[in-house]
Structures are given as C-alpha cells and as structure tokens.
C-alpha atoms as a PDB file:
ATOM      1  CA  UNK A   1       0.000   0.000   0.000  1.00  0.00           C
ATOM      2  CA  UNK A   2       2.716   2.520   0.920  1.00  0.00           C
ATOM      3  CA  UNK A   3       4.561   1.737  -2.320  1.00  0.00           C
ATOM      4  CA  UNK A   4       1.365   2.481  -4.272  1.00  0.00           C
ATOM      5  CA  UNK A   5       1.054   5.865  -2.561  1.00  0.00           C
ATOM      6  CA  UNK A   6       4.702   6.603  -3.279  1.00  0.00           C
ATOM      7  CA  UNK A   7       4.192   5.756  -6.966  1.00  0.00           C
ATOM      8  CA  UNK A   8       1.147   8.094  -7.024  1.00  0.00           C
ATOM      9  CA  UNK A   9       3.182  10.840  -5.385  1.00  0.00           C
ATOM     10  CA  UNK A  10       5.996  10.355  -7.917  1.00  0.00           C
ATOM     11  CA  UNK A  11       3.492  10.774 -10.760  1.00  0.00           C
ATOM     12  CA  UNK A  12       2.061  13.902  -9.107  1.00  0.00           C
ATOM     13  CA  UNK A  13       5.568  15.335  -8.762  1.00  0.00           C
ATOM     14  CA  UNK A  14       6.153  14.838 -12.501  1.00  0.00           C
ATOM     15  CA  UNK A  15       2.859  16.614 -13.205  1.00  0.00           C
ATOM     16  CA  UNK A  16       3.821  19.400 -10.806  1.00  0.00           C
ATOM     17  CA  UNK A  17       7.147  19.822 -12.584  1.00  0.00           C
ATOM     18  CA  UNK A  18       5.328  20.296 -15.886  1.00  0.00           C
ATOM     19  CA  UNK A  19       2.938  22.798 -14.253  1.00  0.00           C
ATOM     20  CA  UNK A  20       5.837  24.742 -12.724  1.00  0.00           C
ATOM     21  CA  UNK A  21       7.627  24.868 -16.090  1.00  0.00           C
ATOM     22  CA  UNK A  22       4.459  26.181 -17.726  1.00  0.00           C
ATOM     23  CA  UNK A  23       3.946  28.622 -14.846  1.00  0.00           C
ATOM     24  CA  UNK A  24       7.448  30.053 -15.260  1.00  0.00           C
ATOM     25  CA  UNK A  25       7.031  30.457 -19.027  1.00  0.00           C
ATOM     26  CA  UNK A  26       3.842  32.508 -18.415  1.00  0.00           C
ATOM     27  CA  UNK A  27       6.096  35.141 -16.783  1.00  0.00           C
ATOM     28  CA  UNK A  28       4.250  35.484 -13.466  1.00  0.00           C
ATOM     29  CA  UNK A  29       4.966  38.438 -11.206  1.00  0.00           C
ATOM     30  CA  UNK A  30       7.521  38.093  -8.443  1.00  0.00           C
ATOM     31  CA  UNK A  31       4.922  37.943  -5.644  1.00  0.00           C
ATOM     32  CA  UNK A  32       3.188  34.977  -7.269  1.00  0.00           C
ATOM     33  CA  UNK A  33       6.509  33.251  -7.955  1.00  0.00           C
ATOM     34  CA  UNK A  34       7.713  33.777  -4.393  1.00  0.00           C
ATOM     35  CA  UNK A  35       4.395  32.596  -2.930  1.00  0.00           C
ATOM     36  CA  UNK A  36       4.700  29.429  -5.037  1.00  0.00           C
ATOM     37  CA  UNK A  37       8.271  28.959  -3.894  1.00  0.00           C
ATOM     38  CA  UNK A  38       7.199  29.259  -0.244  1.00  0.00           C
ATOM     39  CA  UNK A  39       4.533  26.578  -0.763  1.00  0.00           C
ATOM     40  CA  UNK A  40       7.035  24.277  -2.480  1.00  0.00           C
ATOM     41  CA  UNK A  41       9.477  24.800   0.367  1.00  0.00           C
ATOM     42  CA  UNK A  42       6.818  23.883   2.937  1.00  0.00           C
ATOM     43  CA  UNK A  43       5.943  20.796   0.933  1.00  0.00           C
ATOM     44  CA  UNK A  44       9.622  19.816   0.751  1.00  0.00           C
ATOM     45  CA  UNK A  45       9.901  20.267   4.522  1.00  0.00           C
ATOM     46  CA  UNK A  46       6.804  18.148   5.161  1.00  0.00           C
ATOM     47  CA  UNK A  47       8.078  15.379   2.885  1.00  0.00           C
ATOM     48  CA  UNK A  48      11.401  15.578   4.740  1.00  0.00           C
ATOM     49  CA  UNK A  49       9.590  15.021   8.043  1.00  0.00           C
ATOM     50  CA  UNK A  50       7.789  11.974   6.613  1.00  0.00           C
ATOM     51  CA  UNK A  51      11.070  10.614   5.214  1.00  0.00           C
ATOM     52  CA  UNK A  52      13.041  11.200   8.428  1.00  0.00           C
ATOM     53  CA  UNK A  53      10.348   9.552  10.536  1.00  0.00           C
ATOM     54  CA  UNK A  54      10.170   6.517   8.274  1.00  0.00           C
ATOM     55  CA  UNK A  55      13.980   6.261   8.014  1.00  0.00           C
ATOM     56  CA  UNK A  56      14.140   6.249  11.810  1.00  0.00           C
ATOM     57  CA  UNK A  57      11.573   3.432  11.923  1.00  0.00           C
ATOM     58  CA  UNK A  58      13.556   1.476   9.340  1.00  0.00           C
ATOM     59  CA  UNK A  59      16.713   1.961  11.434  1.00  0.00           C
ATOM     60  CA  UNK A  60      14.962   0.543  14.483  1.00  0.00           C
ATOM     61  CA  UNK A  61      13.503  -2.352  12.482  1.00  0.00           C
ATOM     62  CA  UNK A  62      16.937  -3.262  11.101  1.00  0.00           C
ATOM     63  CA  UNK A  63      18.164  -3.983  14.614  1.00  0.00           C
ATOM     64  CA  UNK A  64      21.793  -5.052  14.417  1.00  0.00           C
ATOM     65  CA  UNK A  65      21.812  -5.313  10.607  1.00  0.00           C
ATOM     66  CA  UNK A  66      24.066  -2.626   9.175  1.00  0.00           C
ATOM     67  CA  UNK A  67      23.469  -3.181   5.459  1.00  0.00           C
ATOM     68  CA  UNK A  68      20.557  -4.481   3.415  1.00  0.00           C
ATOM     69  CA  UNK A  69      21.061  -4.924  -0.319  1.00  0.00           C
ATOM     70  CA  UNK A  70      17.929  -5.132  -2.421  1.00  0.00           C
ATOM     71  CA  UNK A  71      17.496  -7.333  -5.514  1.00  0.00           C
ATOM     72  CA  UNK A  72      17.877  -4.302  -7.827  1.00  0.00           C
ATOM     73  CA  UNK A  73      21.315  -3.573  -6.320  1.00  0.00           C
ATOM     74  CA  UNK A  74      20.257  -0.574  -4.238  1.00  0.00           C
ATOM     75  CA  UNK A  75      21.111  -0.674  -0.571  1.00  0.00           C
ATOM     76  CA  UNK A  76      20.150   0.727   2.802  1.00  0.00           C
ATOM     77  CA  UNK A  77      22.964   1.190   5.308  1.00  0.00           C
ATOM     78  CA  UNK A  78      22.596   1.934   8.996  1.00  0.00           C
ATOM     79  CA  UNK A  79      25.410   3.906  10.623  1.00  0.00           C
ATOM     80  CA  UNK A  80      25.609   5.028  14.218  1.00  0.00           C
ATOM     81  CA  UNK A  81      27.950   7.563  15.738  1.00  0.00           C
ATOM     82  CA  UNK A  82      28.173   9.819  18.746  1.00  0.00           C
ATOM     83  CA  UNK A  83      27.779  13.552  18.538  1.00  0.00           C
ATOM     84  CA  UNK A  84      31.194  14.904  19.517  1.00  0.00           C
ATOM     85  CA  UNK A  85      31.822  18.532  20.504  1.00  0.00           C
ATOM     86  CA  UNK A  86      34.332  20.581  22.431  1.00  0.00           C
ATOM     87  CA  UNK A  87      37.392  18.979  20.864  1.00  0.00           C
ATOM     88  CA  UNK A  88      40.755  19.541  22.521  1.00  0.00           C
ATOM     89  CA  UNK A  89      42.552  19.749  19.175  1.00  0.00           C
ATOM     90  CA  UNK A  90      46.000  20.544  20.549  1.00  0.00           C
ATOM     91  CA  UNK A  91      45.966  17.473  22.826  1.00  0.00           C
ATOM     92  CA  UNK A  92      44.759  14.989  20.238  1.00  0.00           C
ATOM     93  CA  UNK A  93      47.012  16.518  17.557  1.00  0.00           C
ATOM     94  CA  UNK A  94      50.046  16.101  19.837  1.00  0.00           C
ATOM     95  CA  UNK A  95      49.138  12.479  20.640  1.00  0.00           C
ATOM     96  CA  UNK A  96      48.521  11.576  16.989  1.00  0.00           C
ATOM     97  CA  UNK A  97      51.838  13.176  15.981  1.00  0.00           C
ATOM     98  CA  UNK A  98      53.626  11.276  18.771  1.00  0.00           C
ATOM     99  CA  UNK A  99      52.026   7.988  17.698  1.00  0.00           C
ATOM    100  CA  UNK A 100      52.927   8.604  14.038  1.00  0.00           C
ATOM    101  CA  UNK A 101      56.514   9.451  14.972  1.00  0.00           C
ATOM    102  CA  UNK A 102      56.795   6.162  16.910  1.00  0.00           C
ATOM    103  CA  UNK A 103      55.240   4.240  14.024  1.00  0.00           C
ATOM    104  CA  UNK A 104      57.858   5.745  11.664  1.00  0.00           C
ATOM    105  CA  UNK A 105      60.672   3.975  13.525  1.00  0.00           C
ATOM    106  CA  UNK A 106      61.725   0.458  12.517  1.00  0.00           C
ATOM    107  CA  UNK A 107      61.693  -1.417  15.833  1.00  0.00           C
ATOM    108  CA  UNK A 108      64.384  -3.874  14.721  1.00  0.00           C
ATOM    109  CA  UNK A 109      66.949  -1.351  13.499  1.00  0.00           C
ATOM    110  CA  UNK A 110      65.885   1.895  15.162  1.00  0.00           C
ATOM    111  CA  UNK A 111      65.982   3.575  11.766  1.00  0.00           C
ATOM    112  CA  UNK A 112      63.561   6.449  11.184  1.00  0.00           C
ATOM    113  CA  UNK A 113      61.603   5.408   8.087  1.00  0.00           C
ATOM    114  CA  UNK A 114      59.752   8.678   7.420  1.00  0.00           C
ATOM    115  CA  UNK A 115      60.731  12.331   7.256  1.00  0.00           C
ATOM    116  CA  UNK A 116      58.972  14.929   9.407  1.00  0.00           C
ATOM    117  CA  UNK A 117      57.183  16.116   6.252  1.00  0.00           C
ATOM    118  CA  UNK A 118      55.845  12.600   5.569  1.00  0.00           C
ATOM    119  CA  UNK A 119      54.664  12.275   9.175  1.00  0.00           C
ATOM    120  CA  UNK A 120      52.920  15.652   8.940  1.00  0.00           C
ATOM    121  CA  UNK A 121      51.276  14.541   5.700  1.00  0.00           C
ATOM    122  CA  UNK A 122      50.144  11.319   7.401  1.00  0.00           C
ATOM    123  CA  UNK A 123      48.216  13.489   9.901  1.00  0.00           C
ATOM    124  CA  UNK A 124      45.634  14.045   7.155  1.00  0.00           C
ATOM    125  CA  UNK A 125      44.743  10.356   7.377  1.00  0.00           C
ATOM    126  CA  UNK A 126      43.416  11.002  10.878  1.00  0.00           C
ATOM    127  CA  UNK A 127      41.999  14.487  10.647  1.00  0.00           C
ATOM    128  CA  UNK A 128      40.433  16.731   8.061  1.00  0.00           C
ATOM    129  CA  UNK A 129      40.339  20.515   8.181  1.00  0.00           C
ATOM    130  CA  UNK A 130      36.978  20.442   9.986  1.00  0.00           C
ATOM    131  CA  UNK A 131      36.813  17.123  11.843  1.00  0.00           C
ATOM    132  CA  UNK A 132      38.757  14.148  13.192  1.00  0.00           C
ATOM    133  CA  UNK A 133      38.406  10.784  11.433  1.00  0.00           C
ATOM    134  CA  UNK A 134      37.115   8.509  14.174  1.00  0.00           C
ATOM    135  CA  UNK A 135      37.733   5.111  12.532  1.00  0.00           C
ATOM    136  CA  UNK A 136      41.249   6.051  11.489  1.00  0.00           C
ATOM    137  CA  UNK A 137      42.116   7.287  14.981  1.00  0.00           C
ATOM    138  CA  UNK A 138      40.876   3.997  16.435  1.00  0.00           C
ATOM    139  CA  UNK A 139      43.186   2.096  14.061  1.00  0.00           C
ATOM    140  CA  UNK A 140      46.232   3.663  15.737  1.00  0.00           C
ATOM    141  CA  UNK A 141      44.869   3.114  19.231  1.00  0.00           C
ATOM    142  CA  UNK A 142      43.589   6.612  19.963  1.00  0.00           C
ATOM    143  CA  UNK A 143      40.153   6.875  21.551  1.00  0.00           C
ATOM    144  CA  UNK A 144      38.701  10.150  20.282  1.00  0.00           C
ATOM    145  CA  UNK A 145      36.208  10.243  23.148  1.00  0.00           C
ATOM    146  CA  UNK A 146      39.122  11.160  25.434  1.00  0.00           C
ATOM    147  CA  UNK A 147      39.524  14.425  23.512  1.00  0.00           C
ATOM    148  CA  UNK A 148      35.997  15.808  23.299  1.00  0.00           C
ATOM    149  CA  UNK A 149      32.597  15.988  24.937  1.00  0.00           C
ATOM    150  CA  UNK A 150      30.586  12.987  23.740  1.00  0.00           C
ATOM    151  CA  UNK A 151      26.869  13.472  23.213  1.00  0.00           C
ATOM    152  CA  UNK A 152      24.102  11.055  22.398  1.00  0.00           C
ATOM    153  CA  UNK A 153      24.391   8.236  19.881  1.00  0.00           C
ATOM    154  CA  UNK A 154      22.767   9.156  16.598  1.00  0.00           C
ATOM    155  CA  UNK A 155      21.842   6.770  13.826  1.00  0.00           C
ATOM    156  CA  UNK A 156      21.831   7.651  10.138  1.00  0.00           C
ATOM    157  CA  UNK A 157      20.220   5.715   7.338  1.00  0.00           C
ATOM    158  CA  UNK A 158      22.036   5.941   4.007  1.00  0.00           C
ATOM    159  CA  UNK A 159      20.198   4.939   0.850  1.00  0.00           C
ATOM    160  CA  UNK A 160      22.334   4.131  -2.179  1.00  0.00           C
ATOM    161  CA  UNK A 161      21.080   3.638  -5.709  1.00  0.00           C
ATOM    162  CA  UNK A 162      22.287   0.599  -7.624  1.00  0.00           C
ATOM    163  CA  UNK A 163      25.605   1.041  -9.402  1.00  0.00           C
ATOM    164  CA  UNK A 164      25.150   1.020 -13.147  1.00  0.00           C
END
C-alpha cells in the first residue's frame, strides 16, 4: 500500500514539474513566484519530516543489521555515531603526531623510516580541516572520546542507488 502511494506521489511530482515549467514560461509576477516557492518549500519540509520519521523506523527495524542490499542492487545502510563537541585539538594533535613518529621507527633497526614532512602529511589520514576521522584514529589506538565531549548516539540511514 505505501509503495502504491509513493508511486502516485511520484506521478504527481512529474505533473507538478510540468505545471511549474508552464507557470514560469507565463512570466508570473515576483509575488506569485515567491508565494509558489514558499509553498514548495513547505511541501519539501513536510516530505522531509515523513522521510526522516520513516527512516528512523527502518533503522529501528533493522536492529543489528548494518546493510541491506535489495534485488535491484540498491542498498540501505545503517550507521551510528556519537555527537562529539568541544574537541581539545592541541591534545589529540600532539598524541597523533607522537604515535605517528613512533610508528615511523623500525623497531628492529631503530631507523627512522619517514621524514617529518611525511609524518605531517600522514596526519591528514586522521583528521580533516573540519573534523577528526574517528575510525582512522581507532586504528592507531587513539580513543577520540578522550579528547571531546561525547553526546548522544545518533543513527543515520544511508540509501544508495544501484551502481550502473
């Protein structure tokens, strides 16, 4: 039943697109155009609420499943992460640099295998200009939760189209 309604809505959206194209070509005044834009924006918001609510329900229904691949090749992935704020960038940066410097030393010979420039470049594996890469930090034994205020766990549902 829900899929039928979605198919109906998709058809209505195609019709609406044609109507909007015709509307624009009739050269409406700016008030009418802006009023139409406001209504479209409200509709987009409402559809977003419906989508977010359903995606949340799907996430709960998936339980511990992290990936479902459909027969057409599309997939639904469930990812969970904590909201992290208040980073102590200097502390984590120092510890990552220290860990990378230690990893650059051959334990058998004591030889330094990487230059300071290469170690600095390796930092970009663990951080980006606006955030720290949690999985990468964990790979070198650094718990990012020790360097920030950890909020609630949030779950995201990612929908991917089939690869063609």
